[in-house]
Amino acid sequence: FPLKQNKEYGNYFCIHGGGFGTQNWLYVLPKHNLGISI
């Protein structure tokens, strides 16, 4: 799980998945008790 940082998000985890016919991102932002998948 790659760890990133910025002022607004704080420390957050994000990862991309891409295949033959699928693409998605998953983000986890512990500072904001926020997670998102697209």
PDB file of all heavy atoms in Angstrom:
ATOM      1  N   PHE A   1       0.858  -1.193   0.000  1.00  0.00           N
ATOM      2  CA  PHE A   1       0.000   0.000   0.000  1.00  0.00           C
ATOM      3  C   PHE A   1       0.892   1.241   0.000  1.00  0.00           C
ATOM      4  O   PHE A   1       1.551   1.537   0.996  1.00  0.00           O
ATOM      5  CB  PHE A   1      -0.900   0.004   1.238  1.00  0.00           C
ATOM      6  CG  PHE A   1      -2.343   0.310   0.952  1.00  0.00           C
ATOM      7  CD1 PHE A   1      -3.339  -0.201   1.765  1.00  0.00           C
ATOM      8  CD2 PHE A   1      -2.714   1.120  -0.115  1.00  0.00           C
ATOM      9  CE1 PHE A   1      -4.685   0.067   1.523  1.00  0.00           C
ATOM     10  CE2 PHE A   1      -4.043   1.395  -0.372  1.00  0.00           C
ATOM     11  CZ  PHE A   1      -5.033   0.870   0.444  1.00  0.00           C
ATOM     12  N   PRO A   2       0.949   2.003  -1.116  1.00  0.00           N
ATOM     13  CA  PRO A   2       1.742   3.230  -1.127  1.00  0.00           C
ATOM     14  C   PRO A   2       1.163   4.270  -0.171  1.00  0.00           C
ATOM     15  O   PRO A   2      -0.055   4.470  -0.117  1.00  0.00           O
ATOM     16  CB  PRO A   2       1.625   3.706  -2.584  1.00  0.00           C
ATOM     17  CG  PRO A   2       1.206   2.499  -3.365  1.00  0.00           C
ATOM     18  CD  PRO A   2       0.352   1.703  -2.430  1.00  0.00           C
ATOM     19  N   LEU A   3       2.040   4.920   0.575  1.00  0.00           N
ATOM     20  CA  LEU A   3       1.641   5.981   1.492  1.00  0.00           C
ATOM     21  C   LEU A   3       2.022   7.330   0.891  1.00  0.00           C
ATOM     22  O   LEU A   3       3.158   7.524   0.441  1.00  0.00           O
ATOM     23  CB  LEU A   3       2.329   5.808   2.845  1.00  0.00           C
ATOM     24  CG  LEU A   3       2.077   6.909   3.885  1.00  0.00           C
ATOM     25  CD1 LEU A   3       0.625   6.922   4.329  1.00  0.00           C
ATOM     26  CD2 LEU A   3       3.010   6.740   5.086  1.00  0.00           C
ATOM     27  N   LYS A   4       1.066   8.252   0.884  1.00  0.00           N
ATOM     28  CA  LYS A   4       1.281   9.601   0.362  1.00  0.00           C
ATOM     29  C   LYS A   4       0.977  10.612   1.465  1.00  0.00           C
ATOM     30  O   LYS A   4       0.353  10.287   2.473  1.00  0.00           O
ATOM     31  CB  LYS A   4       0.377   9.874  -0.847  1.00  0.00           C
ATOM     32  CG  LYS A   4       0.402   8.807  -1.927  1.00  0.00           C
ATOM     33  CD  LYS A   4       1.664   8.868  -2.746  1.00  0.00           C
ATOM     34  CE  LYS A   4       1.606   7.875  -3.909  1.00  0.00           C
ATOM     35  NZ  LYS A   4       2.839   7.913  -4.731  1.00  0.00           N
ATOM     36  N   GLN A   5       1.400  11.853   1.246  1.00  0.00           N
ATOM     37  CA  GLN A   5       1.064  12.926   2.182  1.00  0.00           C
ATOM     38  C   GLN A   5       0.789  14.217   1.426  1.00  0.00           C
ATOM     39  O   GLN A   5       1.433  14.499   0.410  1.00  0.00           O
ATOM     40  CB  GLN A   5       2.213  13.202   3.165  1.00  0.00           C
ATOM     41  CG  GLN A   5       2.654  12.053   4.025  1.00  0.00           C
ATOM     42  CD  GLN A   5       3.869  11.344   3.486  1.00  0.00           C
ATOM     43  OE1 GLN A   5       4.531  11.826   2.580  1.00  0.00           O
ATOM     44  NE2 GLN A   5       4.168  10.181   4.041  1.00  0.00           N
ATOM     45  N   ASN A   6      -0.197  14.956   1.895  1.00  0.00           N
ATOM     46  CA  ASN A   6      -0.308  16.359   1.525  1.00  0.00           C
ATOM     47  C   ASN A   6      -1.043  17.097   2.635  1.00  0.00           C
ATOM     48  O   ASN A   6      -1.589  16.481   3.554  1.00  0.00           O
ATOM     49  CB  ASN A   6      -0.946  16.580   0.136  1.00  0.00           C
ATOM     50  CG  ASN A   6      -2.425  16.246   0.093  1.00  0.00           C
ATOM     51  OD1 ASN A   6      -3.154  16.403   1.073  1.00  0.00           O
ATOM     52  ND2 ASN A   6      -2.877  15.776  -1.053  1.00  0.00           N
ATOM     53  N   LYS A   7      -1.060  18.409   2.561  1.00  0.00           N
ATOM     54  CA  LYS A   7      -1.594  19.232   3.642  1.00  0.00           C
ATOM     55  C   LYS A   7      -3.068  18.956   3.909  1.00  0.00           C
ATOM     56  O   LYS A   7      -3.504  18.869   5.055  1.00  0.00           O
ATOM     57  CB  LYS A   7      -1.393  20.715   3.307  1.00  0.00           C
ATOM     58  CG  LYS A   7      -1.825  21.668   4.409  1.00  0.00           C
ATOM     59  CD  LYS A   7      -1.549  23.110   4.021  1.00  0.00           C
ATOM     60  CE  LYS A   7      -2.002  24.066   5.120  1.00  0.00           C
ATOM     61  NZ  LYS A   7      -1.741  25.483   4.740  1.00  0.00           N
ATOM     62  N   GLU A   8      -3.855  18.813   2.826  1.00  0.00           N
ATOM     63  CA  GLU A   8      -5.294  18.640   2.978  1.00  0.00           C
ATOM     64  C   GLU A   8      -5.654  17.214   3.415  1.00  0.00           C
ATOM     65  O   GLU A   8      -6.490  17.021   4.291  1.00  0.00           O
ATOM     66  CB  GLU A   8      -6.021  18.957   1.659  1.00  0.00           C
ATOM     67  CG  GLU A   8      -5.982  20.419   1.254  1.00  0.00           C
ATOM     68  CD  GLU A   8      -4.648  20.832   0.675  1.00  0.00           C
ATOM     69  OE1 GLU A   8      -3.883  19.937   0.203  1.00  0.00           O
ATOM     70  OE2 GLU A   8      -4.332  22.039   0.707  1.00  0.00           O
ATOM     71  N   TYR A   9      -5.005  16.226   2.822  1.00  0.00           N
ATOM     72  CA  TYR A   9      -5.377  14.841   3.076  1.00  0.00           C
ATOM     73  C   TYR A   9      -4.695  14.261   4.312  1.00  0.00           C
ATOM     74  O   TYR A   9      -5.183  13.301   4.892  1.00  0.00           O
ATOM     75  CB  TYR A   9      -5.021  13.954   1.889  1.00  0.00           C
ATOM     76  CG  TYR A   9      -5.777  14.231   0.611  1.00  0.00           C
ATOM     77  CD1 TYR A   9      -6.698  15.272   0.507  1.00  0.00           C
ATOM     78  CD2 TYR A   9      -5.574  13.440  -0.515  1.00  0.00           C
ATOM     79  CE1 TYR A   9      -7.383  15.519  -0.663  1.00  0.00           C
ATOM     80  CE2 TYR A   9      -6.258  13.677  -1.708  1.00  0.00           C
ATOM     81  CZ  TYR A   9      -7.151  14.725  -1.770  1.00  0.00           C
ATOM     82  OH  TYR A   9      -7.828  14.960  -2.936  1.00  0.00           O
ATOM     83  N   GLY A  10      -3.545  14.842   4.690  1.00  0.00           N
ATOM     84  CA  GLY A  10      -2.725  14.228   5.721  1.00  0.00           C
ATOM     85  C   GLY A  10      -1.997  13.025   5.144  1.00  0.00           C
ATOM     86  O   GLY A  10      -1.709  12.973   3.942  1.00  0.00           O
ATOM     87  N   ASN A  11      -1.678  12.037   5.972  1.00  0.00           N
ATOM     88  CA  ASN A  11      -1.109  10.782   5.476  1.00  0.00           C
ATOM     89  C   ASN A  11      -2.247   9.922   4.934  1.00  0.00           C
ATOM     90  O   ASN A  11      -3.222   9.671   5.639  1.00  0.00           O
ATOM     91  CB  ASN A  11      -0.402  10.022   6.594  1.00  0.00           C
ATOM     92  CG  ASN A  11       0.866  10.717   7.052  1.00  0.00           C
ATOM     93  OD1 ASN A  11       1.447  11.512   6.323  1.00  0.00           O
ATOM     94  ND2 ASN A  11       1.304  10.420   8.261  1.00  0.00           N
ATOM     95  N   TYR A  12      -2.114   9.490   3.694  1.00  0.00           N
ATOM     96  CA  TYR A  12      -3.185   8.685   3.107  1.00  0.00           C
ATOM     97  C   TYR A  12      -2.598   7.594   2.217  1.00  0.00           C
ATOM     98  O   TYR A  12      -1.462   7.682   1.750  1.00  0.00           O
ATOM     99  CB  TYR A  12      -4.162   9.556   2.310  1.00  0.00           C
ATOM    100  CG  TYR A  12      -3.591  10.176   1.045  1.00  0.00           C
ATOM    101  CD1 TYR A  12      -3.830   9.599  -0.201  1.00  0.00           C
ATOM    102  CD2 TYR A  12      -2.819  11.334   1.085  1.00  0.00           C
ATOM    103  CE1 TYR A  12      -3.315  10.156  -1.365  1.00  0.00           C
ATOM    104  CE2 TYR A  12      -2.307  11.902  -0.072  1.00  0.00           C
ATOM    105  CZ  TYR A  12      -2.556  11.313  -1.286  1.00  0.00           C
ATOM    106  OH  TYR A  12      -2.043  11.870  -2.438  1.00  0.00           O
ATOM    107  N   PHE A  13      -3.403   6.539   2.018  1.00  0.00           N
ATOM    108  CA  PHE A  13      -2.994   5.409   1.202  1.00  0.00           C
ATOM    109  C   PHE A  13      -3.801   5.412  -0.090  1.00  0.00           C
ATOM    110  O   PHE A  13      -5.004   5.685  -0.078  1.00  0.00           O
ATOM    111  CB  PHE A  13      -3.237   4.098   1.949  1.00  0.00           C
ATOM    112  CG  PHE A  13      -2.443   3.969   3.209  1.00  0.00           C
ATOM    113  CD1 PHE A  13      -2.967   4.407   4.422  1.00  0.00           C
ATOM    114  CD2 PHE A  13      -1.167   3.419   3.193  1.00  0.00           C
ATOM    115  CE1 PHE A  13      -2.235   4.295   5.592  1.00  0.00           C
ATOM    116  CE2 PHE A  13      -0.429   3.306   4.356  1.00  0.00           C
ATOM    117  CZ  PHE A  13      -0.959   3.745   5.562  1.00  0.00           C
ATOM    118  N   CYS A  14      -3.140   5.126  -1.194  1.00  0.00           N
ATOM    119  CA  CYS A  14      -3.871   5.030  -2.462  1.00  0.00           C
ATOM    120  C   CYS A  14      -3.195   4.019  -3.360  1.00  0.00           C
ATOM    121  O   CYS A  14      -1.980   3.846  -3.330  1.00  0.00           O
ATOM    122  CB  CYS A  14      -3.953   6.384  -3.154  1.00  0.00           C
ATOM    123  SG  CYS A  14      -2.383   7.016  -3.768  1.00  0.00           S
ATOM    124  N   ILE A  15      -4.010   3.326  -4.137  1.00  0.00           N
ATOM    125  CA  ILE A  15      -3.472   2.332  -5.066  1.00  0.00           C
ATOM    126  C   ILE A  15      -4.375   2.241  -6.288  1.00  0.00           C
ATOM    127  O   ILE A  15      -5.598   2.378  -6.195  1.00  0.00           O
ATOM    128  CB  ILE A  15      -3.321   0.956  -4.394  1.00  0.00           C
ATOM    129  CG1 ILE A  15      -2.582  -0.026  -5.324  1.00  0.00           C
ATOM    130  CG2 ILE A  15      -4.658   0.401  -3.941  1.00  0.00           C
ATOM    131  CD1 ILE A  15      -2.099  -1.293  -4.626  1.00  0.00           C
ATOM    132  N   HIS A  16      -3.749   2.022  -7.423  1.00  0.00           N
ATOM    133  CA  HIS A  16      -4.454   1.891  -8.703  1.00  0.00           C
ATOM    134  C   HIS A  16      -4.399   0.436  -9.159  1.00  0.00           C
ATOM    135  O   HIS A  16      -3.402  -0.260  -8.971  1.00  0.00           O
ATOM    136  CB  HIS A  16      -3.793   2.789  -9.754  1.00  0.00           C
ATOM    137  CG  HIS A  16      -4.147   2.425 -11.160  1.00  0.00           C
ATOM    138  ND1 HIS A  16      -3.276   1.754 -12.002  1.00  0.00           N
ATOM    139  CD2 HIS A  16      -5.287   2.620 -11.865  1.00  0.00           C
ATOM    140  CE1 HIS A  16      -3.863   1.566 -13.173  1.00  0.00           C
ATOM    141  NE2 HIS A  16      -5.075   2.078 -13.120  1.00  0.00           N
ATOM    142  N   GLY A  17      -5.496  -0.005  -9.759  1.00  0.00           N
ATOM    143  CA  GLY A  17      -5.532  -1.324 -10.370  1.00  0.00           C
ATOM    144  C   GLY A  17      -6.026  -1.225 -11.798  1.00  0.00           C
ATOM    145  O   GLY A  17      -7.071  -0.628 -12.051  1.00  0.00           O
ATOM    146  N   GLY A  18      -5.266  -1.781 -12.721  1.00  0.00           N
ATOM    147  CA  GLY A  18      -5.671  -1.735 -14.125  1.00  0.00           C
ATOM    148  C   GLY A  18      -5.458  -3.073 -14.799  1.00  0.00           C
ATOM    149  O   GLY A  18      -4.394  -3.691 -14.642  1.00  0.00           O
ATOM    150  N   GLY A  19      -6.462  -3.538 -15.530  1.00  0.00           N
ATOM    151  CA  GLY A  19      -6.353  -4.803 -16.233  1.00  0.00           C
ATOM    152  C   GLY A  19      -6.796  -4.674 -17.670  1.00  0.00           C
ATOM    153  O   GLY A  19      -6.913  -3.573 -18.217  1.00  0.00           O
ATOM    154  N   PHE A  20      -7.060  -5.808 -18.308  1.00  0.00           N
ATOM    155  CA  PHE A  20      -7.455  -5.819 -19.714  1.00  0.00           C
ATOM    156  C   PHE A  20      -8.679  -4.932 -19.959  1.00  0.00           C
ATOM    157  O   PHE A  20      -8.707  -4.162 -20.905  1.00  0.00           O
ATOM    158  CB  PHE A  20      -7.799  -7.246 -20.158  1.00  0.00           C
ATOM    159  CG  PHE A  20      -6.656  -8.213 -20.128  1.00  0.00           C
ATOM    160  CD1 PHE A  20      -6.897  -9.585 -20.095  1.00  0.00           C
ATOM    161  CD2 PHE A  20      -5.337  -7.783 -20.149  1.00  0.00           C
ATOM    162  CE1 PHE A  20      -5.854 -10.497 -20.082  1.00  0.00           C
ATOM    163  CE2 PHE A  20      -4.284  -8.687 -20.133  1.00  0.00           C
ATOM    164  CZ  PHE A  20      -4.548 -10.048 -20.093  1.00  0.00           C
ATOM    165  N   GLY A  21      -9.691  -5.083 -19.097  1.00  0.00           N
ATOM    166  CA  GLY A  21     -10.936  -4.332 -19.299  1.00  0.00           C
ATOM    167  C   GLY A  21     -11.482  -3.771 -18.008  1.00  0.00           C
ATOM    168  O   GLY A  21     -12.699  -3.723 -17.805  1.00  0.00           O
ATOM    169  N   THR A  22     -10.592  -3.334 -17.143  1.00  0.00           N
ATOM    170  CA  THR A  22     -11.020  -2.771 -15.862  1.00  0.00           C
ATOM    171  C   THR A  22      -9.989  -1.766 -15.363  1.00  0.00           C
ATOM    172  O   THR A  22      -8.789  -1.945 -15.592  1.00  0.00           O
ATOM    173  CB  THR A  22     -11.209  -3.884 -14.810  1.00  0.00           C
ATOM    174  OG1 THR A  22     -11.679  -3.320 -13.590  1.00  0.00           O
ATOM    175  CG2 THR A  22      -9.913  -4.618 -14.526  1.00  0.00           C
ATOM    176  N   GLN A  23     -10.481  -0.719 -14.708  1.00  0.00           N
ATOM    177  CA  GLN A  23      -9.606   0.266 -14.090  1.00  0.00           C
ATOM    178  C   GLN A  23     -10.260   0.724 -12.792  1.00  0.00           C
ATOM    179  O   GLN A  23     -11.477   0.928 -12.740  1.00  0.00           O
ATOM    180  CB  GLN A  23      -9.391   1.481 -15.004  1.00  0.00           C
ATOM    181  CG  GLN A  23      -8.614   1.202 -16.276  1.00  0.00           C
ATOM    182  CD  GLN A  23      -7.117   1.056 -16.027  1.00  0.00           C
ATOM    183  OE1 GLN A  23      -6.592   1.494 -15.004  1.00  0.00           O
ATOM    184  NE2 GLN A  23      -6.427   0.436 -16.979  1.00  0.00           N
ATOM    185  N   ASN A  24      -9.456   0.886 -11.747  1.00  0.00           N
ATOM    186  CA  ASN A  24     -10.013   1.363 -10.480  1.00  0.00           C
ATOM    187  C   ASN A  24      -8.949   1.992  -9.604  1.00  0.00           C
ATOM    188  O   ASN A  24      -7.753   1.725  -9.751  1.00  0.00           O
ATOM    189  CB  ASN A  24     -10.731   0.227  -9.740  1.00  0.00           C
ATOM    190  CG  ASN A  24      -9.806  -0.816  -9.151  1.00  0.00           C
ATOM    191  OD1 ASN A  24      -9.706  -0.955  -7.934  1.00  0.00           O
ATOM    192  ND2 ASN A  24      -9.120  -1.583  -9.998  1.00  0.00           N
ATOM    193  N   TRP A  25      -9.415   2.854  -8.713  1.00  0.00           N
ATOM    194  CA  TRP A  25      -8.573   3.454  -7.677  1.00  0.00           C
ATOM    195  C   TRP A  25      -9.219   3.201  -6.327  1.00  0.00           C
ATOM    196  O   TRP A  25     -10.450   3.206  -6.204  1.00  0.00           O
ATOM    197  CB  TRP A  25      -8.447   4.962  -7.872  1.00  0.00           C
ATOM    198  CG  TRP A  25      -7.515   5.396  -8.949  1.00  0.00           C
ATOM    199  CD1 TRP A  25      -7.842   5.671 -10.247  1.00  0.00           C
ATOM    200  CD2 TRP A  25      -6.108   5.651  -8.823  1.00  0.00           C
ATOM    201  NE1 TRP A  25      -6.717   6.067 -10.943  1.00  0.00           N
ATOM    202  CE2 TRP A  25      -5.647   6.066 -10.093  1.00  0.00           C
ATOM    203  CE3 TRP A  25      -5.205   5.556  -7.762  1.00  0.00           C
ATOM    204  CZ2 TRP A  25      -4.312   6.396 -10.323  1.00  0.00           C
ATOM    205  CZ3 TRP A  25      -3.877   5.881  -7.994  1.00  0.00           C
ATOM    206  CH2 TRP A  25      -3.442   6.290  -9.264  1.00  0.00           C
ATOM    207  N   LEU A  26      -8.380   3.029  -5.316  1.00  0.00           N
ATOM    208  CA  LEU A  26      -8.866   2.918  -3.940  1.00  0.00           C
ATOM    209  C   LEU A  26      -8.032   3.853  -3.064  1.00  0.00           C
ATOM    210  O   LEU A  26      -6.799   3.786  -3.079  1.00  0.00           O
ATOM    211  CB  LEU A  26      -8.767   1.481  -3.450  1.00  0.00           C
ATOM    212  CG  LEU A  26      -9.437   1.178  -2.105  1.00  0.00           C
ATOM    213  CD1 LEU A  26      -9.992  -0.248  -2.104  1.00  0.00           C
ATOM    214  CD2 LEU A  26      -8.462   1.342  -0.934  1.00  0.00           C
ATOM    215  N   TYR A  27      -8.709   4.735  -2.337  1.00  0.00           N
ATOM    216  CA  TYR A  27      -8.062   5.702  -1.444  1.00  0.00           C
ATOM    217  C   TYR A  27      -8.549   5.490  -0.020  1.00  0.00           C
ATOM    218  O   TYR A  27      -9.738   5.259   0.218  1.00  0.00           O
ATOM    219  CB  TYR A  27      -8.419   7.128  -1.847  1.00  0.00           C
ATOM    220  CG  TYR A  27      -7.519   7.768  -2.880  1.00  0.00           C
ATOM    221  CD1 TYR A  27      -7.248   7.144  -4.095  1.00  0.00           C
ATOM    222  CD2 TYR A  27      -6.947   9.016  -2.658  1.00  0.00           C
ATOM    223  CE1 TYR A  27      -6.439   7.741  -5.043  1.00  0.00           C
ATOM    224  CE2 TYR A  27      -6.141   9.631  -3.606  1.00  0.00           C
ATOM    225  CZ  TYR A  27      -5.887   8.985  -4.794  1.00  0.00           C
ATOM    226  OH  TYR A  27      -5.089   9.580  -5.742  1.00  0.00           O
ATOM    227  N   VAL A  28      -7.633   5.617   0.934  1.00  0.00           N
ATOM    228  CA  VAL A  28      -7.967   5.571   2.359  1.00  0.00           C
ATOM    229  C   VAL A  28      -7.310   6.776   3.033  1.00  0.00           C
ATOM    230  O   VAL A  28      -6.079   6.907   3.014  1.00  0.00           O
ATOM    231  CB  VAL A  28      -7.469   4.261   3.013  1.00  0.00           C
ATOM    232  CG1 VAL A  28      -7.728   4.289   4.515  1.00  0.00           C
ATOM    233  CG2 VAL A  28      -8.147   3.053   2.377  1.00  0.00           C
ATOM    234  N   LEU A  29      -8.138   7.661   3.605  1.00  0.00           N
ATOM    235  CA  LEU A  29      -7.657   8.875   4.256  1.00  0.00           C
ATOM    236  C   LEU A  29      -8.005   8.814   5.748  1.00  0.00           C
ATOM    237  O   LEU A  29      -9.049   9.310   6.187  1.00  0.00           O
ATOM    238  CB  LEU A  29      -8.299  10.130   3.637  1.00  0.00           C
ATOM    239  CG  LEU A  29      -7.854  10.581   2.247  1.00  0.00           C
ATOM    240  CD1 LEU A  29      -8.299   9.624   1.163  1.00  0.00           C
ATOM    241  CD2 LEU A  29      -8.366  11.981   1.945  1.00  0.00           C
ATOM    242  N   PRO A  30      -7.139   8.214   6.568  1.00  0.00           N
ATOM    243  CA  PRO A  30      -7.455   8.045   7.992  1.00  0.00           C
ATOM    244  C   PRO A  30      -7.744   9.354   8.716  1.00  0.00           C
ATOM    245  O   PRO A  30      -8.618   9.397   9.597  1.00  0.00           O
ATOM    246  CB  PRO A  30      -6.185   7.377   8.547  1.00  0.00           C
ATOM    247  CG  PRO A  30      -5.589   6.658   7.372  1.00  0.00           C
ATOM    248  CD  PRO A  30      -5.871   7.556   6.206  1.00  0.00           C
ATOM    249  N   LYS A  31      -7.045  10.431   8.372  1.00  0.00           N
ATOM    250  CA  LYS A  31      -7.234  11.715   9.052  1.00  0.00           C
ATOM    251  C   LYS A  31      -8.679  12.182   8.979  1.00  0.00           C
ATOM    252  O   LYS A  31      -9.199  12.801   9.924  1.00  0.00           O
ATOM    253  CB  LYS A  31      -6.308  12.768   8.431  1.00  0.00           C
ATOM    254  CG  LYS A  31      -6.484  14.170   8.983  1.00  0.00           C
ATOM    255  CD  LYS A  31      -5.568  15.157   8.273  1.00  0.00           C
ATOM    256  CE  LYS A  31      -5.833  16.588   8.742  1.00  0.00           C
ATOM    257  NZ  LYS A  31      -4.940  17.562   8.045  1.00  0.00           N
ATOM    258  N   HIS A  32      -9.343  11.891   7.869  1.00  0.00           N
ATOM    259  CA  HIS A  32     -10.709  12.362   7.643  1.00  0.00           C
ATOM    260  C   HIS A  32     -11.746  11.253   7.773  1.00  0.00           C
ATOM    261  O   HIS A  32     -12.916  11.477   7.448  1.00  0.00           O
ATOM    262  CB  HIS A  32     -10.801  13.009   6.257  1.00  0.00           C
ATOM    263  CG  HIS A  32      -9.898  14.191   6.086  1.00  0.00           C
ATOM    264  ND1 HIS A  32     -10.167  15.422   6.634  1.00  0.00           N
ATOM    265  CD2 HIS A  32      -8.704  14.313   5.433  1.00  0.00           C
ATOM    266  CE1 HIS A  32      -9.191  16.261   6.330  1.00  0.00           C
ATOM    267  NE2 HIS A  32      -8.291  15.615   5.596  1.00  0.00           N
ATOM    268  N   ASN A  33     -11.302  10.071   8.244  1.00  0.00           N
ATOM    269  CA  ASN A  33     -12.207   8.925   8.338  1.00  0.00           C
ATOM    270  C   ASN A  33     -12.963   8.745   7.019  1.00  0.00           C
ATOM    271  O   ASN A  33     -14.175   8.580   6.980  1.00  0.00           O
ATOM    272  CB  ASN A  33     -13.197   9.102   9.490  1.00  0.00           C
ATOM    273  CG  ASN A  33     -13.890   7.802   9.867  1.00  0.00           C
ATOM    274  OD1 ASN A  33     -13.405   6.718   9.560  1.00  0.00           O
ATOM    275  ND2 ASN A  33     -15.033   7.894  10.519  1.00  0.00           N
ATOM    276  N   LEU A  34     -12.197   8.780   5.928  1.00  0.00           N
ATOM    277  CA  LEU A  34     -12.750   8.776   4.576  1.00  0.00           C
ATOM    278  C   LEU A  34     -12.045   7.742   3.714  1.00  0.00           C
ATOM    279  O   LEU A  34     -10.817   7.631   3.725  1.00  0.00           O
ATOM    280  CB  LEU A  34     -12.595  10.169   3.952  1.00  0.00           C
ATOM    281  CG  LEU A  34     -12.876  10.324   2.455  1.00  0.00           C
ATOM    282  CD1 LEU A  34     -14.330  10.020   2.130  1.00  0.00           C
ATOM    283  CD2 LEU A  34     -12.505  11.734   1.994  1.00  0.00           C
ATOM    284  N   GLY A  35     -12.832   6.984   2.964  1.00  0.00           N
ATOM    285  CA  GLY A  35     -12.292   6.067   1.975  1.00  0.00           C
ATOM    286  C   GLY A  35     -13.164   6.097   0.739  1.00  0.00           C
ATOM    287  O   GLY A  35     -14.363   6.388   0.822  1.00  0.00           O
ATOM    288  N   ILE A  36     -12.572   5.822  -0.404  1.00  0.00           N
ATOM    289  CA  ILE A  36     -13.345   5.881  -1.647  1.00  0.00           C
ATOM    290  C   ILE A  36     -12.798   4.873  -2.647  1.00  0.00           C
ATOM    291  O   ILE A  36     -11.588   4.636  -2.739  1.00  0.00           O
ATOM    292  CB  ILE A  36     -13.326   7.311  -2.253  1.00  0.00           C
ATOM    293  CG1 ILE A  36     -14.177   7.381  -3.520  1.00  0.00           C
ATOM    294  CG2 ILE A  36     -11.919   7.790  -2.487  1.00  0.00           C
ATOM    295  CD1 ILE A  36     -14.413   8.807  -4.005  1.00  0.00           C
ATOM    296  N   SER A  37     -13.721   4.257  -3.395  1.00  0.00           N
ATOM    297  CA  SER A  37     -13.366   3.355  -4.492  1.00  0.00           C
ATOM    298  C   SER A  37     -14.132   3.782  -5.731  1.00  0.00           C
ATOM    299  O   SER A  37     -15.324   4.088  -5.656  1.00  0.00           O
ATOM    300  CB  SER A  37     -13.724   1.911  -4.135  1.00  0.00           C
ATOM    301  OG  SER A  37     -13.547   1.054  -5.255  1.00  0.00           O
ATOM    302  N   ILE A  38     -13.443   3.810  -6.854  1.00  0.00           N
ATOM    303  CA  ILE A  38     -14.083   4.129  -8.131  1.00  0.00           C
ATOM    304  C   ILE A  38     -13.644   3.095  -9.157  1.00  0.00           C
ATOM    305  O   ILE A  38     -12.459   2.780  -9.270  1.00  0.00           O
ATOM    306  CB  ILE A  38     -13.741   5.567  -8.594  1.00  0.00           C
ATOM    307  CG1 ILE A  38     -14.475   5.909  -9.900  1.00  0.00           C
ATOM    308  CG2 ILE A  38     -12.244   5.782  -8.721  1.00  0.00           C
ATOM    309  CD1 ILE A  38     -14.396   7.385 -10.280  1.00  0.00           C
TER     310      ILE A  38
END
